[in-house]
Each structure stands twice: as C-alpha cells, then as structure tokens.
Amino acid sequence: MPQPDRYVSVKIECHSKHLHDICVEVDRQVPPDLRCEPNAGPGYSRGGGSGGCSIPFSDELKETTMRELRDNFQGSKRRGYVLIHQ
C-alpha cells in the first residue's frame, strides 16, 4: 500500500539547466514540507519530456535522494524539495 509520507518532491537539474519535477519514494517518512502533492505517485512529473536530459534509474534516484536528504536536509526543507544536480 502506498505511503504518501514517504514520497519526496525532487527536482533534477541536468547539464542543460532543465529542471524536472519527480516524486521519489524513500525508505523513511519525510516532513510535510518535502512531500509530493497528495495525488502524486512515484515518478510523477509536472513537466513534459526530458529535454535531452538523462534521468537516473529508480534505484539510483532513490539512493541519490536519500543521500541529499542526509547531507542537505535543512536546505532541502527550506526549498520544499530535494535538488539533484546531474
């Protein structure tokens, strides 16, 4: 059963400076400030197409998201999303 309190709002910024909104499911609860929109499931994106950007596979994306949460939790919380640079 999906647990929306584990869906993190992530923005991936690729080399061409495109931003992609993605919802990533992680292994722990995250504060409401970092959660995806209620209707969003994993992989949800408000943008269209990849714009020539390479989006990591789900396991790699989950690991990167967890690392960013550990290393930059306060910055992510202040922004309202986890920012991943590609």
N, C-alpha and C. Protein backbone atom coordinates (compact mmCIF):
# COMPACT_ATOMS: atom_id res chain seq x y z
N MET A 1 0.84 -1.19 0.00
CA MET A 1 0.00 0.00 0.00
C MET A 1 0.89 1.25 0.00
N PRO A 2 0.63 2.21 -0.88
CA PRO A 2 1.45 3.43 -0.95
C PRO A 2 1.40 4.22 0.36
N GLN A 3 2.53 4.82 0.69
CA GLN A 3 2.62 5.65 1.88
C GLN A 3 3.05 7.06 1.45
N PRO A 4 2.09 7.96 1.28
CA PRO A 4 2.41 9.29 0.77
C PRO A 4 3.41 10.06 1.63
N ASP A 5 3.55 9.67 2.91
CA ASP A 5 4.51 10.38 3.76
C ASP A 5 5.95 9.98 3.46
N ARG A 6 6.15 9.08 2.48
CA ARG A 6 7.49 8.67 2.06
C ARG A 6 7.80 9.11 0.63
N TYR A 7 6.91 9.89 0.03
CA TYR A 7 7.13 10.39 -1.33
C TYR A 7 7.73 11.79 -1.25
N VAL A 8 8.95 11.90 -1.74
CA VAL A 8 9.71 13.15 -1.65
C VAL A 8 9.63 13.90 -2.96
N SER A 9 9.40 15.19 -2.88
CA SER A 9 9.42 16.06 -4.04
C SER A 9 10.89 16.33 -4.41
N VAL A 10 11.25 15.96 -5.63
CA VAL A 10 12.63 16.09 -6.11
C VAL A 10 12.64 16.89 -7.40
N LYS A 11 13.63 17.76 -7.52
CA LYS A 11 13.87 18.46 -8.79
C LYS A 11 15.25 18.04 -9.25
N ILE A 12 15.30 17.54 -10.48
CA ILE A 12 16.57 17.16 -11.07
C ILE A 12 16.96 18.26 -12.04
N GLU A 13 18.15 18.83 -11.82
CA GLU A 13 18.67 19.84 -12.74
C GLU A 13 19.77 19.17 -13.56
N CYS A 14 19.53 19.06 -14.87
CA CYS A 14 20.51 18.40 -15.71
C CYS A 14 21.50 19.43 -16.26
N HIS A 15 22.49 18.92 -17.00
CA HIS A 15 23.56 19.78 -17.52
C HIS A 15 23.04 20.95 -18.35
N SER A 16 21.94 20.75 -19.05
CA SER A 16 21.39 21.82 -19.89
C SER A 16 20.52 22.79 -19.09
N LYS A 17 20.53 22.65 -17.75
CA LYS A 17 19.81 23.53 -16.82
C LYS A 17 18.29 23.33 -16.84
N HIS A 18 17.80 22.25 -17.48
CA HIS A 18 16.38 21.93 -17.38
C HIS A 18 16.11 21.42 -15.98
N LEU A 19 14.95 21.75 -15.44
CA LEU A 19 14.50 21.23 -14.14
C LEU A 19 13.35 20.26 -14.38
N HIS A 20 13.43 19.11 -13.74
CA HIS A 20 12.39 18.10 -13.88
C HIS A 20 11.86 17.76 -12.50
N ASP A 21 10.56 17.88 -12.31
CA ASP A 21 9.89 17.56 -11.05
C ASP A 21 9.57 16.07 -11.03
N ILE A 22 10.06 15.39 -10.01
CA ILE A 22 9.85 13.96 -9.90
C ILE A 22 9.49 13.64 -8.45
N CYS A 23 8.68 12.64 -8.27
CA CYS A 23 8.31 12.17 -6.94
C CYS A 23 9.05 10.86 -6.71
N VAL A 24 9.84 10.80 -5.63
CA VAL A 24 10.65 9.63 -5.34
C VAL A 24 10.22 9.02 -4.01
N GLU A 25 9.96 7.73 -4.01
CA GLU A 25 9.62 7.04 -2.77
C GLU A 25 10.91 6.63 -2.06
N VAL A 26 11.03 6.98 -0.77
CA VAL A 26 12.21 6.65 0.02
C VAL A 26 11.81 5.73 1.17
N ASP A 27 12.81 5.28 1.94
CA ASP A 27 12.58 4.30 3.00
C ASP A 27 12.16 4.89 4.34
N ARG A 28 12.01 6.18 4.41
CA ARG A 28 11.63 6.80 5.69
C ARG A 28 10.58 7.88 5.45
N GLN A 29 9.93 8.28 6.53
CA GLN A 29 8.98 9.38 6.43
C GLN A 29 9.74 10.68 6.24
N VAL A 30 9.12 11.58 5.52
CA VAL A 30 9.70 12.91 5.35
C VAL A 30 8.69 13.95 5.84
N PRO A 31 9.17 15.12 6.25
CA PRO A 31 8.25 16.15 6.73
C PRO A 31 7.30 16.61 5.62
N PRO A 32 6.13 17.10 6.00
CA PRO A 32 5.15 17.55 5.01
C PRO A 32 5.71 18.56 4.01
N ASP A 33 6.68 19.39 4.43
CA ASP A 33 7.27 20.38 3.54
C ASP A 33 7.98 19.76 2.34
N LEU A 34 8.41 18.50 2.46
CA LEU A 34 9.17 17.84 1.39
C LEU A 34 8.36 16.81 0.62
N ARG A 35 7.12 16.63 0.98
CA ARG A 35 6.31 15.60 0.34
C ARG A 35 5.78 16.05 -1.01
N CYS A 36 5.53 15.06 -1.85
CA CYS A 36 4.90 15.32 -3.14
C CYS A 36 3.45 15.72 -2.95
N GLU A 37 2.85 16.21 -4.00
CA GLU A 37 1.43 16.54 -3.96
C GLU A 37 0.65 15.27 -3.62
N PRO A 38 -0.47 15.39 -2.92
CA PRO A 38 -1.22 14.21 -2.46
C PRO A 38 -1.57 13.19 -3.54
N ASN A 39 -1.88 13.62 -4.75
CA ASN A 39 -2.29 12.69 -5.82
C ASN A 39 -1.10 12.06 -6.52
N ALA A 40 0.10 12.54 -6.25
CA ALA A 40 1.27 12.10 -6.99
C ALA A 40 1.79 10.77 -6.47
N GLY A 41 2.10 9.88 -7.38
CA GLY A 41 2.77 8.64 -7.03
C GLY A 41 4.21 8.74 -7.49
N PRO A 42 5.00 7.71 -7.27
CA PRO A 42 6.40 7.75 -7.70
C PRO A 42 6.52 8.02 -9.19
N GLY A 43 7.49 8.84 -9.55
CA GLY A 43 7.74 9.16 -10.94
C GLY A 43 6.91 10.31 -11.47
N TYR A 44 5.98 10.80 -10.70
CA TYR A 44 5.11 11.90 -11.12
C TYR A 44 5.94 13.11 -11.53
N SER A 45 5.55 13.73 -12.61
CA SER A 45 6.27 14.92 -13.07
C SER A 45 5.29 15.92 -13.63
N ARG A 46 5.49 17.18 -13.28
CA ARG A 46 4.63 18.24 -13.81
C ARG A 46 5.15 18.73 -15.15
N GLY A 47 6.40 18.45 -15.45
CA GLY A 47 7.00 18.90 -16.71
C GLY A 47 6.75 17.90 -17.81
N GLY A 48 7.08 18.29 -19.02
CA GLY A 48 6.91 17.38 -20.14
C GLY A 48 8.24 17.05 -20.77
N GLY A 49 8.44 15.81 -21.17
CA GLY A 49 9.64 15.39 -21.87
C GLY A 49 10.88 15.56 -21.03
N SER A 50 11.96 14.96 -21.47
CA SER A 50 13.19 15.04 -20.69
C SER A 50 14.10 16.16 -21.17
N GLY A 51 13.77 16.81 -22.29
CA GLY A 51 14.60 17.92 -22.77
C GLY A 51 16.02 17.51 -23.04
N GLY A 52 16.23 16.23 -23.43
CA GLY A 52 17.57 15.75 -23.70
C GLY A 52 18.35 15.41 -22.44
N CYS A 53 17.68 15.39 -21.30
CA CYS A 53 18.34 15.09 -20.03
C CYS A 53 18.25 13.60 -19.74
N SER A 54 19.27 13.11 -19.06
CA SER A 54 19.29 11.70 -18.65
C SER A 54 18.81 11.63 -17.21
N ILE A 55 17.65 11.01 -17.00
CA ILE A 55 17.09 10.85 -15.65
C ILE A 55 17.56 9.50 -15.13
N PRO A 56 18.14 9.45 -13.92
CA PRO A 56 18.66 8.18 -13.39
C PRO A 56 17.57 7.14 -13.20
N PHE A 57 17.98 5.87 -13.19
CA PHE A 57 17.07 4.77 -12.91
C PHE A 57 16.54 4.90 -11.49
N SER A 58 15.42 4.25 -11.20
CA SER A 58 14.74 4.43 -9.92
C SER A 58 15.61 4.11 -8.71
N ASP A 59 16.40 3.03 -8.74
CA ASP A 59 17.24 2.70 -7.58
C ASP A 59 18.31 3.75 -7.37
N GLU A 60 18.93 4.19 -8.45
CA GLU A 60 19.96 5.23 -8.35
C GLU A 60 19.35 6.55 -7.87
N LEU A 61 18.19 6.86 -8.37
CA LEU A 61 17.50 8.09 -7.97
C LEU A 61 17.12 8.05 -6.49
N LYS A 62 16.66 6.90 -6.03
CA LYS A 62 16.31 6.75 -4.61
C LYS A 62 17.56 6.93 -3.74
N GLU A 63 18.67 6.31 -4.11
CA GLU A 63 19.91 6.44 -3.33
C GLU A 63 20.41 7.88 -3.31
N THR A 64 20.36 8.54 -4.45
CA THR A 64 20.80 9.94 -4.53
C THR A 64 19.90 10.83 -3.69
N THR A 65 18.60 10.58 -3.73
CA THR A 65 17.65 11.36 -2.94
C THR A 65 17.92 11.17 -1.44
N MET A 66 18.13 9.93 -1.02
CA MET A 66 18.42 9.65 0.39
C MET A 66 19.72 10.35 0.83
N ARG A 67 20.72 10.32 -0.03
CA ARG A 67 22.00 10.98 0.30
C ARG A 67 21.81 12.49 0.43
N GLU A 68 21.05 13.09 -0.48
CA GLU A 68 20.79 14.53 -0.40
C GLU A 68 20.00 14.88 0.86
N LEU A 69 19.06 14.02 1.23
CA LEU A 69 18.30 14.26 2.46
C LEU A 69 19.23 14.23 3.68
N ARG A 70 20.17 13.29 3.69
CA ARG A 70 21.12 13.21 4.81
C ARG A 70 22.08 14.40 4.82
N ASP A 71 22.62 14.74 3.65
CA ASP A 71 23.67 15.76 3.58
C ASP A 71 23.15 17.19 3.58
N ASN A 72 21.97 17.41 3.04
CA ASN A 72 21.44 18.77 2.86
C ASN A 72 19.99 18.90 3.30
N PHE A 73 19.68 18.30 4.44
CA PHE A 73 18.29 18.27 4.88
C PHE A 73 17.71 19.67 5.07
N GLN A 74 18.42 20.54 5.76
CA GLN A 74 17.89 21.88 6.05
C GLN A 74 17.68 22.69 4.77
N GLY A 75 18.63 22.62 3.84
CA GLY A 75 18.47 23.33 2.57
C GLY A 75 17.29 22.80 1.78
N SER A 76 17.14 21.49 1.77
CA SER A 76 16.00 20.88 1.06
C SER A 76 14.68 21.30 1.71
N LYS A 77 14.65 21.27 3.01
CA LYS A 77 13.42 21.65 3.72
C LYS A 77 13.07 23.11 3.46
N ARG A 78 14.07 23.97 3.44
CA ARG A 78 13.85 25.40 3.17
C ARG A 78 13.29 25.62 1.76
N ARG A 79 13.82 24.86 0.77
CA ARG A 79 13.34 24.97 -0.61
C ARG A 79 11.98 24.32 -0.81
N GLY A 80 11.71 23.25 -0.04
CA GLY A 80 10.48 22.48 -0.22
C GLY A 80 10.63 21.32 -1.18
N TYR A 81 11.86 21.01 -1.55
CA TYR A 81 12.15 19.87 -2.43
C TYR A 81 13.63 19.54 -2.33
N VAL A 82 13.98 18.34 -2.77
CA VAL A 82 15.37 17.91 -2.83
C VAL A 82 15.89 18.26 -4.22
N LEU A 83 17.00 18.96 -4.28
CA LEU A 83 17.60 19.34 -5.57
C LEU A 83 18.75 18.42 -5.88
N ILE A 84 18.69 17.80 -7.05
CA ILE A 84 19.75 16.91 -7.50
C ILE A 84 20.32 17.48 -8.78
N HIS A 85 21.63 17.70 -8.79
CA HIS A 85 22.32 18.19 -9.99
C HIS A 85 22.88 16.99 -10.75
N GLN A 86 22.63 16.95 -12.03
CA GLN A 86 23.15 15.87 -12.89
C GLN A 86 24.37 16.33 -13.63
